[in-house]
């Protein structure tokens, strides 16, 4: 073995990936496309988005990451994220079967799919644009900005900040 990273196409050879690996690959894809995101973002409905970001036009993107088939099939809460983003994606490792995402229950006409490993990612199905109301988008962008500033401050001075809250 050469130690070179596996390509997305080498899914049969890929070891099981953790959600943090998939998130890192998606973060790199997004950064190249001027979408900046945060992980584990609490939402006002009590859910927590795995990745939530803002693109160059100020549109809000959410990615729900699944690394196991049982977790994907058992997730009934994912529609709760749709009220908080303009685009919604599923984020999956290369070896995970994507067939369930083609069923009507997973809204393939509106939900995108990103396949990622710890090094990179590829959008295999674009997400449809479902625009948020302007007031909701403004609230979400401000919410993300405050979380990002709080997390940055915690890195600089751990004694100065409070944990992520919805206030």
N, C-alpha and C. Protein backbone atom coordinates (compact mmCIF):
# COMPACT_ATOMS: atom_id res chain seq x y z
N UNK A 1 0.85 -1.18 0.00
CA UNK A 1 0.00 0.00 0.00
C UNK A 1 0.89 1.24 0.00
N UNK A 2 0.55 2.20 -0.82
CA UNK A 2 1.38 3.39 -0.99
C UNK A 2 1.11 4.47 0.03
N UNK A 3 0.01 4.39 0.72
CA UNK A 3 -0.35 5.43 1.67
C UNK A 3 -1.08 6.58 1.02
N UNK A 4 -1.30 6.51 -0.29
CA UNK A 4 -2.03 7.56 -1.00
C UNK A 4 -3.50 7.48 -0.62
N UNK A 5 -4.18 8.62 -0.58
CA UNK A 5 -5.60 8.61 -0.24
C UNK A 5 -6.40 7.87 -1.31
N UNK A 6 -7.45 7.20 -0.88
CA UNK A 6 -8.34 6.52 -1.81
C UNK A 6 -9.17 7.54 -2.55
N UNK A 7 -9.41 7.31 -3.81
CA UNK A 7 -10.30 8.20 -4.55
C UNK A 7 -11.73 7.82 -4.23
N UNK A 8 -12.64 8.73 -4.52
CA UNK A 8 -14.06 8.49 -4.28
C UNK A 8 -14.51 7.25 -5.06
N UNK A 9 -13.90 6.99 -6.21
CA UNK A 9 -14.31 5.85 -7.04
C UNK A 9 -13.89 4.51 -6.44
N UNK A 10 -12.95 4.48 -5.51
CA UNK A 10 -12.45 3.24 -4.92
C UNK A 10 -13.30 2.79 -3.73
N UNK A 11 -14.63 2.91 -3.83
CA UNK A 11 -15.49 2.65 -2.68
C UNK A 11 -15.39 1.23 -2.16
N UNK A 12 -15.11 0.25 -3.03
CA UNK A 12 -15.04 -1.12 -2.55
C UNK A 12 -13.81 -1.36 -1.69
N UNK A 13 -12.79 -0.51 -1.81
CA UNK A 13 -11.57 -0.65 -1.05
C UNK A 13 -11.54 0.23 0.20
N UNK A 14 -12.47 1.15 0.29
CA UNK A 14 -12.43 2.14 1.35
C UNK A 14 -12.79 1.53 2.71
N UNK A 15 -12.03 1.87 3.75
CA UNK A 15 -12.40 1.42 5.09
C UNK A 15 -13.60 2.22 5.57
N UNK A 16 -14.24 1.74 6.63
CA UNK A 16 -15.36 2.47 7.20
C UNK A 16 -14.88 3.85 7.65
N UNK A 17 -15.66 4.85 7.31
CA UNK A 17 -15.31 6.22 7.66
C UNK A 17 -16.20 6.73 8.78
N UNK A 18 -15.64 7.59 9.59
CA UNK A 18 -16.42 8.25 10.64
C UNK A 18 -17.06 9.51 10.06
N UNK A 19 -18.08 9.99 10.74
CA UNK A 19 -18.77 11.20 10.29
C UNK A 19 -17.80 12.38 10.19
N UNK A 20 -16.81 12.45 11.08
CA UNK A 20 -15.86 13.56 11.03
C UNK A 20 -15.02 13.51 9.75
N UNK A 21 -14.74 12.32 9.23
CA UNK A 21 -14.01 12.20 7.97
C UNK A 21 -14.86 12.73 6.81
N UNK A 22 -16.11 12.33 6.78
CA UNK A 22 -17.03 12.79 5.74
C UNK A 22 -17.19 14.31 5.84
N UNK A 23 -17.33 14.83 7.04
CA UNK A 23 -17.47 16.28 7.23
C UNK A 23 -16.24 17.02 6.73
N UNK A 24 -15.06 16.48 6.98
CA UNK A 24 -13.83 17.13 6.52
C UNK A 24 -13.78 17.19 4.99
N UNK A 25 -14.12 16.10 4.33
CA UNK A 25 -14.14 16.08 2.87
C UNK A 25 -15.13 17.07 2.31
N UNK A 26 -16.32 17.13 2.90
CA UNK A 26 -17.34 18.08 2.45
C UNK A 26 -16.88 19.51 2.70
N UNK A 27 -16.27 19.75 3.86
CA UNK A 27 -15.75 21.08 4.16
C UNK A 27 -14.74 21.55 3.12
N UNK A 28 -13.90 20.64 2.66
CA UNK A 28 -12.91 20.99 1.63
C UNK A 28 -13.59 21.30 0.30
N UNK A 29 -14.57 20.49 -0.07
CA UNK A 29 -15.33 20.76 -1.30
C UNK A 29 -16.01 22.12 -1.20
N UNK A 30 -16.68 22.36 -0.08
CA UNK A 30 -17.37 23.64 0.10
C UNK A 30 -16.39 24.81 0.07
N UNK A 31 -15.26 24.69 0.72
CA UNK A 31 -14.29 25.79 0.74
C UNK A 31 -13.84 26.15 -0.67
N UNK A 32 -13.61 25.14 -1.50
CA UNK A 32 -13.22 25.41 -2.90
C UNK A 32 -14.32 26.13 -3.66
N UNK A 33 -15.56 25.98 -3.20
CA UNK A 33 -16.70 26.60 -3.87
C UNK A 33 -17.24 27.80 -3.10
N UNK A 34 -16.42 28.34 -2.20
CA UNK A 34 -16.76 29.55 -1.45
C UNK A 34 -18.03 29.38 -0.60
N UNK A 35 -18.17 28.19 -0.03
CA UNK A 35 -19.23 27.93 0.95
C UNK A 35 -18.50 27.65 2.25
N UNK A 36 -18.80 28.41 3.28
CA UNK A 36 -18.10 28.27 4.56
C UNK A 36 -19.08 27.71 5.57
N UNK A 37 -18.66 26.67 6.28
CA UNK A 37 -19.61 25.96 7.14
C UNK A 37 -19.06 25.72 8.54
N UNK A 38 -19.99 25.43 9.40
CA UNK A 38 -19.71 25.03 10.78
C UNK A 38 -20.32 23.65 10.99
N UNK A 39 -19.75 22.91 11.92
CA UNK A 39 -20.32 21.60 12.26
C UNK A 39 -21.13 21.71 13.55
N UNK A 40 -22.05 20.76 13.69
CA UNK A 40 -22.85 20.64 14.91
C UNK A 40 -23.52 21.95 15.30
N UNK A 41 -24.38 22.46 14.43
CA UNK A 41 -25.05 23.74 14.66
C UNK A 41 -26.44 23.49 15.25
N UNK A 42 -26.69 23.99 16.45
CA UNK A 42 -28.03 23.82 17.04
C UNK A 42 -29.04 24.71 16.32
N UNK A 43 -30.23 24.15 16.11
CA UNK A 43 -31.31 24.88 15.47
C UNK A 43 -32.39 25.20 16.49
N UNK A 44 -33.23 26.15 16.19
CA UNK A 44 -34.26 26.57 17.14
C UNK A 44 -35.31 25.50 17.41
N UNK A 45 -35.42 24.51 16.53
CA UNK A 45 -36.39 23.44 16.74
C UNK A 45 -35.83 22.29 17.59
N UNK A 46 -34.63 22.48 18.15
CA UNK A 46 -34.04 21.47 19.00
C UNK A 46 -33.14 20.47 18.27
N UNK A 47 -33.13 20.52 16.95
CA UNK A 47 -32.26 19.64 16.18
C UNK A 47 -30.86 20.24 16.09
N UNK A 48 -29.92 19.46 15.61
CA UNK A 48 -28.54 19.91 15.46
C UNK A 48 -28.08 19.49 14.07
N UNK A 49 -27.77 20.49 13.21
CA UNK A 49 -27.31 20.20 11.85
C UNK A 49 -25.86 19.73 11.90
N UNK A 50 -25.56 18.64 11.18
CA UNK A 50 -24.19 18.13 11.14
C UNK A 50 -23.26 19.18 10.53
N UNK A 51 -23.64 19.75 9.41
CA UNK A 51 -22.91 20.86 8.79
C UNK A 51 -23.92 21.90 8.34
N UNK A 52 -23.60 23.15 8.57
CA UNK A 52 -24.46 24.24 8.12
C UNK A 52 -23.55 25.34 7.63
N UNK A 53 -23.86 25.86 6.45
CA UNK A 53 -22.98 26.87 5.88
C UNK A 53 -23.71 27.92 5.09
N UNK A 54 -22.90 28.87 4.62
CA UNK A 54 -23.41 29.99 3.83
C UNK A 54 -22.56 30.09 2.57
N UNK A 55 -23.24 30.20 1.41
CA UNK A 55 -22.49 30.36 0.18
C UNK A 55 -22.24 31.84 -0.11
N UNK A 56 -21.59 32.14 -1.22
CA UNK A 56 -21.21 33.51 -1.55
C UNK A 56 -22.41 34.42 -1.77
N UNK A 57 -23.58 33.86 -2.04
CA UNK A 57 -24.79 34.67 -2.24
C UNK A 57 -25.60 34.81 -0.96
N UNK A 58 -25.11 34.26 0.13
CA UNK A 58 -25.82 34.34 1.40
C UNK A 58 -26.88 33.27 1.58
N UNK A 59 -26.85 32.24 0.74
CA UNK A 59 -27.82 31.15 0.87
C UNK A 59 -27.33 30.13 1.89
N UNK A 60 -28.26 29.56 2.61
CA UNK A 60 -27.94 28.64 3.71
C UNK A 60 -28.03 27.19 3.22
N UNK A 61 -27.00 26.42 3.54
CA UNK A 61 -26.89 25.02 3.15
C UNK A 61 -26.78 24.17 4.42
N UNK A 62 -27.51 23.05 4.45
CA UNK A 62 -27.39 22.08 5.54
C UNK A 62 -27.02 20.73 4.94
N UNK A 63 -26.11 20.02 5.61
CA UNK A 63 -25.74 18.66 5.23
C UNK A 63 -25.99 17.75 6.42
N UNK A 64 -26.75 16.70 6.17
CA UNK A 64 -26.97 15.65 7.17
C UNK A 64 -26.07 14.49 6.79
N UNK A 65 -25.16 14.13 7.69
CA UNK A 65 -24.16 13.10 7.41
C UNK A 65 -24.63 11.75 7.97
N UNK A 66 -24.53 10.73 7.13
CA UNK A 66 -24.85 9.36 7.54
C UNK A 66 -23.71 8.46 7.10
N UNK A 67 -23.18 7.66 8.03
CA UNK A 67 -22.09 6.75 7.69
C UNK A 67 -22.49 5.29 7.83
N UNK A 68 -23.72 5.04 8.24
CA UNK A 68 -24.21 3.66 8.39
C UNK A 68 -25.61 3.55 7.81
N UNK A 69 -25.87 2.43 7.17
CA UNK A 69 -27.17 2.21 6.54
C UNK A 69 -28.31 2.27 7.56
N UNK A 70 -28.12 1.66 8.72
CA UNK A 70 -29.18 1.66 9.74
C UNK A 70 -29.51 3.08 10.19
N UNK A 71 -28.49 3.91 10.34
CA UNK A 71 -28.71 5.30 10.73
C UNK A 71 -29.48 6.05 9.65
N UNK A 72 -29.13 5.83 8.40
CA UNK A 72 -29.83 6.47 7.29
C UNK A 72 -31.29 6.04 7.25
N UNK A 73 -31.53 4.75 7.32
CA UNK A 73 -32.90 4.24 7.23
C UNK A 73 -33.74 4.58 8.46
N UNK A 74 -33.10 4.73 9.61
CA UNK A 74 -33.83 5.00 10.84
C UNK A 74 -34.04 6.46 11.16
N UNK A 75 -33.54 7.35 10.33
CA UNK A 75 -33.63 8.78 10.61
C UNK A 75 -34.97 9.34 10.14
N UNK A 76 -35.85 9.62 11.07
CA UNK A 76 -37.14 10.20 10.74
C UNK A 76 -37.16 11.71 10.98
N UNK A 77 -36.10 12.25 11.55
CA UNK A 77 -36.08 13.67 11.93
C UNK A 77 -35.54 14.59 10.84
N UNK A 78 -34.92 14.05 9.80
CA UNK A 78 -34.25 14.89 8.82
C UNK A 78 -35.15 15.94 8.16
N UNK A 79 -36.45 15.71 7.93
CA UNK A 79 -37.25 16.79 7.33
C UNK A 79 -37.32 18.05 8.20
N UNK A 80 -37.01 17.91 9.50
CA UNK A 80 -37.02 19.07 10.39
C UNK A 80 -35.96 20.10 10.03
N UNK A 81 -34.95 19.71 9.23
CA UNK A 81 -33.89 20.63 8.82
C UNK A 81 -34.31 21.52 7.66
N UNK A 82 -35.28 21.09 6.89
CA UNK A 82 -35.63 21.77 5.65
C UNK A 82 -36.12 23.20 5.85
N UNK A 83 -36.69 23.49 7.01
CA UNK A 83 -37.18 24.85 7.29
C UNK A 83 -36.05 25.83 7.63
N UNK A 84 -34.81 25.35 7.65
CA UNK A 84 -33.68 26.18 8.07
C UNK A 84 -32.61 26.33 6.99
N UNK A 85 -32.92 25.93 5.76
CA UNK A 85 -31.91 26.04 4.70
C UNK A 85 -32.55 26.26 3.34
N UNK A 86 -31.73 26.80 2.44
CA UNK A 86 -32.13 26.97 1.04
C UNK A 86 -31.82 25.73 0.22
N UNK A 87 -30.81 24.98 0.67
CA UNK A 87 -30.42 23.72 0.01
C UNK A 87 -30.08 22.69 1.09
N UNK A 88 -30.52 21.45 0.84
CA UNK A 88 -30.26 20.36 1.79
C UNK A 88 -29.55 19.23 1.06
N UNK A 89 -28.49 18.71 1.68
CA UNK A 89 -27.74 17.59 1.13
C UNK A 89 -27.62 16.46 2.15
N UNK A 90 -27.55 15.25 1.63
CA UNK A 90 -27.11 14.11 2.39
C UNK A 90 -25.62 13.99 2.16
N UNK A 91 -24.84 13.75 3.20
CA UNK A 91 -23.41 13.51 3.08
C UNK A 91 -23.11 12.07 3.46
N UNK A 92 -22.51 11.31 2.54
CA UNK A 92 -22.29 9.88 2.74
C UNK A 92 -20.86 9.50 2.40
N UNK A 93 -20.34 8.44 3.03
CA UNK A 93 -19.04 7.91 2.61
C UNK A 93 -19.20 7.13 1.30
N UNK A 94 -18.12 6.91 0.57
CA UNK A 94 -18.21 6.24 -0.73
C UNK A 94 -18.84 4.84 -0.68
N UNK A 95 -18.62 4.08 0.36
CA UNK A 95 -19.11 2.71 0.39
C UNK A 95 -20.56 2.53 0.80
N UNK A 96 -21.22 3.58 1.24
CA UNK A 96 -22.60 3.45 1.72
C UNK A 96 -23.57 3.41 0.54
N UNK A 97 -24.48 2.46 0.57
CA UNK A 97 -25.49 2.30 -0.49
C UNK A 97 -26.39 3.53 -0.54
N UNK A 98 -26.43 4.18 -1.69
CA UNK A 98 -27.24 5.40 -1.86
C UNK A 98 -28.65 5.10 -2.36
N UNK A 99 -28.96 3.84 -2.66
CA UNK A 99 -30.26 3.48 -3.22
C UNK A 99 -31.45 3.99 -2.40
N UNK A 100 -31.41 3.92 -1.06
CA UNK A 100 -32.57 4.42 -0.31
C UNK A 100 -32.88 5.90 -0.59
N UNK A 101 -31.87 6.67 -0.92
CA UNK A 101 -32.08 8.10 -1.15
C UNK A 101 -32.83 8.39 -2.45
N UNK A 102 -33.05 7.36 -3.26
CA UNK A 102 -33.81 7.52 -4.50
C UNK A 102 -35.31 7.32 -4.28
N UNK A 103 -35.69 6.84 -3.10
CA UNK A 103 -37.12 6.61 -2.82
C UNK A 103 -37.80 7.94 -2.48
N UNK A 104 -39.12 7.97 -2.68
CA UNK A 104 -39.89 9.19 -2.43
C UNK A 104 -39.76 9.69 -1.00
N UNK A 105 -39.55 8.78 -0.06
CA UNK A 105 -39.44 9.17 1.35
C UNK A 105 -38.27 10.11 1.60
N UNK A 106 -37.25 10.08 0.74
CA UNK A 106 -36.06 10.92 0.91
C UNK A 106 -36.04 12.11 -0.05
N UNK A 107 -37.15 12.35 -0.73
CA UNK A 107 -37.34 13.52 -1.59
C UNK A 107 -36.18 13.78 -2.55
N UNK A 108 -35.89 12.83 -3.43
CA UNK A 108 -34.75 12.99 -4.34
C UNK A 108 -34.86 14.19 -5.27
N UNK A 109 -36.08 14.66 -5.51
CA UNK A 109 -36.26 15.83 -6.38
C UNK A 109 -35.76 17.12 -5.73
N UNK A 110 -35.60 17.11 -4.41
CA UNK A 110 -35.16 18.33 -3.73
C UNK A 110 -33.88 18.18 -2.92
N UNK A 111 -33.57 16.97 -2.47
CA UNK A 111 -32.41 16.78 -1.60
C UNK A 111 -31.20 16.30 -2.41
N UNK A 112 -30.08 16.97 -2.24
CA UNK A 112 -28.87 16.59 -2.94
C UNK A 112 -28.10 15.51 -2.19
N UNK A 113 -27.08 14.97 -2.87
CA UNK A 113 -26.24 13.93 -2.28
C UNK A 113 -24.78 14.27 -2.54
N UNK A 114 -23.99 14.22 -1.48
CA UNK A 114 -22.54 14.43 -1.57
C UNK A 114 -21.88 13.17 -1.04
N UNK A 115 -20.91 12.66 -1.81
CA UNK A 115 -20.12 11.51 -1.37
C UNK A 115 -18.75 12.05 -0.99
N UNK A 116 -18.28 11.66 0.21
CA UNK A 116 -17.03 12.23 0.72
C UNK A 116 -16.23 11.22 1.51
N UNK A 117 -14.92 11.41 1.47
CA UNK A 117 -14.03 10.71 2.38
C UNK A 117 -13.29 11.77 3.18
N UNK A 118 -12.25 11.40 3.86
CA UNK A 118 -11.54 12.36 4.69
C UNK A 118 -10.69 13.37 3.92
N UNK A 119 -10.63 13.22 2.61
CA UNK A 119 -9.76 14.07 1.80
C UNK A 119 -10.50 14.99 0.85
N UNK A 120 -11.66 14.55 0.36
CA UNK A 120 -12.36 15.33 -0.64
C UNK A 120 -13.81 14.87 -0.71
N UNK A 121 -14.56 15.50 -1.59
CA UNK A 121 -15.97 15.17 -1.76
C UNK A 121 -16.41 15.48 -3.18
N UNK A 122 -17.54 14.92 -3.54
CA UNK A 122 -18.11 15.15 -4.87
C UNK A 122 -19.62 15.23 -4.72
N UNK A 123 -20.23 16.21 -5.36
CA UNK A 123 -21.69 16.30 -5.39
C UNK A 123 -22.15 15.34 -6.48
N UNK A 124 -22.87 14.30 -6.09
CA UNK A 124 -23.36 13.33 -7.06
C UNK A 124 -24.80 13.61 -7.47
N UNK A 125 -25.50 14.39 -6.67
CA UNK A 125 -26.82 14.89 -7.06
C UNK A 125 -26.98 16.28 -6.46
N UNK A 126 -27.12 17.30 -7.29
CA UNK A 126 -27.29 18.66 -6.76
C UNK A 126 -28.59 18.79 -5.96
N UNK A 127 -28.57 19.66 -4.99
CA UNK A 127 -29.78 19.95 -4.20
C UNK A 127 -30.59 21.02 -4.92
N UNK A 128 -31.89 20.85 -4.91
CA UNK A 128 -32.77 21.87 -5.47
C UNK A 128 -32.76 23.10 -4.57
N UNK A 129 -32.97 24.24 -5.17
CA UNK A 129 -33.05 25.50 -4.43
C UNK A 129 -34.48 25.66 -3.92
N UNK A 130 -34.65 25.72 -2.63
CA UNK A 130 -35.95 25.93 -1.98
C UNK A 130 -35.78 27.15 -1.09
N UNK A 131 -36.01 28.35 -1.64
CA UNK A 131 -35.65 29.57 -0.92
C UNK A 131 -36.37 29.77 0.40
N UNK A 132 -35.57 30.13 1.39
CA UNK A 132 -36.12 30.52 2.69
C UNK A 132 -36.75 31.90 2.54
N UNK A 133 -37.70 32.20 3.42
CA UNK A 133 -38.20 33.57 3.49
C UNK A 133 -37.04 34.46 3.91
N UNK A 134 -37.02 35.69 3.41
CA UNK A 134 -35.91 36.61 3.69
C UNK A 134 -35.65 36.77 5.19
N UNK A 135 -36.71 36.89 5.97
CA UNK A 135 -36.54 37.07 7.41
C UNK A 135 -35.91 35.82 8.05
N UNK A 136 -36.32 34.63 7.61
CA UNK A 136 -35.75 33.39 8.15
C UNK A 136 -34.28 33.28 7.75
N UNK A 137 -33.96 33.61 6.50
CA UNK A 137 -32.56 33.54 6.06
C UNK A 137 -31.69 34.50 6.88
N UNK A 138 -32.17 35.70 7.10
CA UNK A 138 -31.43 36.70 7.89
C UNK A 138 -31.18 36.15 9.29
N UNK A 139 -32.18 35.57 9.89
CA UNK A 139 -32.05 35.00 11.23
C UNK A 139 -31.01 33.87 11.24
N UNK A 140 -31.05 33.00 10.23
CA UNK A 140 -30.12 31.88 10.17
C UNK A 140 -28.68 32.36 9.96
N UNK A 141 -28.49 33.34 9.09
CA UNK A 141 -27.14 33.85 8.84
C UNK A 141 -26.59 34.50 10.11
N UNK A 142 -27.40 35.29 10.80
CA UNK A 142 -26.95 35.90 12.06
C UNK A 142 -26.65 34.83 13.11
N UNK A 143 -27.46 33.81 13.16
CA UNK A 143 -27.25 32.70 14.10
C UNK A 143 -25.91 32.03 13.83
N UNK A 144 -25.63 31.72 12.57
CA UNK A 144 -24.35 31.11 12.21
C UNK A 144 -23.18 32.04 12.53
N UNK A 145 -23.33 33.32 12.25
CA UNK A 145 -22.26 34.27 12.54
C UNK A 145 -21.95 34.33 14.03
N UNK A 146 -22.97 34.36 14.85
CA UNK A 146 -22.75 34.42 16.30
C UNK A 146 -22.08 33.14 16.82
N UNK A 147 -22.49 31.99 16.30
CA UNK A 147 -21.85 30.73 16.71
C UNK A 147 -20.39 30.73 16.28
N UNK A 148 -20.12 31.16 15.05
CA UNK A 148 -18.74 31.18 14.55
C UNK A 148 -17.88 32.11 15.40
N UNK A 149 -18.40 33.28 15.74
CA UNK A 149 -17.62 34.22 16.56
C UNK A 149 -17.39 33.67 17.96
N UNK A 150 -18.41 33.02 18.52
CA UNK A 150 -18.26 32.44 19.86
C UNK A 150 -17.21 31.32 19.84
N UNK A 151 -17.24 30.48 18.81
CA UNK A 151 -16.27 29.40 18.72
C UNK A 151 -14.85 29.95 18.48
N UNK A 152 -14.74 30.98 17.69
CA UNK A 152 -13.43 31.59 17.46
C UNK A 152 -12.89 32.17 18.77
N UNK A 153 -13.75 32.85 19.51
CA UNK A 153 -13.33 33.43 20.78
C UNK A 153 -12.91 32.34 21.77
N UNK A 154 -13.62 31.22 21.76
CA UNK A 154 -13.28 30.11 22.65
C UNK A 154 -11.90 29.54 22.31
N UNK A 155 -11.53 29.56 21.04
CA UNK A 155 -10.19 29.11 20.66
C UNK A 155 -9.13 30.08 21.18
N UNK A 156 -9.43 31.34 21.12
CA UNK A 156 -8.47 32.37 21.55
C UNK A 156 -8.38 32.48 23.05
N UNK A 157 -9.53 32.35 23.74
CA UNK A 157 -9.57 32.51 25.19
C UNK A 157 -10.66 31.60 25.76
N UNK A 158 -10.33 30.38 26.11
CA UNK A 158 -11.33 29.42 26.57
C UNK A 158 -12.11 29.86 27.82
N UNK A 159 -11.58 30.80 28.57
CA UNK A 159 -12.27 31.25 29.79
C UNK A 159 -13.27 32.36 29.52
N UNK A 160 -13.38 32.81 28.27
CA UNK A 160 -14.16 33.99 27.94
C UNK A 160 -15.52 33.68 27.35
N UNK A 161 -15.83 32.45 27.05
CA UNK A 161 -17.04 32.18 26.26
C UNK A 161 -18.01 31.23 26.93
N UNK A 162 -19.21 31.25 26.42
CA UNK A 162 -20.26 30.33 26.85
C UNK A 162 -20.43 29.28 25.77
N UNK A 163 -21.02 28.14 26.09
CA UNK A 163 -21.26 27.11 25.07
C UNK A 163 -22.28 27.59 24.04
N UNK A 164 -22.36 26.89 22.92
CA UNK A 164 -23.34 27.25 21.90
C UNK A 164 -24.73 27.23 22.51
N UNK A 165 -25.43 28.32 22.33
CA UNK A 165 -26.81 28.41 22.77
C UNK A 165 -27.62 29.01 21.63
N UNK A 166 -28.89 29.04 21.79
CA UNK A 166 -29.76 29.59 20.74
C UNK A 166 -30.01 31.07 20.93
N UNK A 167 -29.53 31.66 22.02
CA UNK A 167 -29.78 33.09 22.26
C UNK A 167 -28.91 33.96 21.41
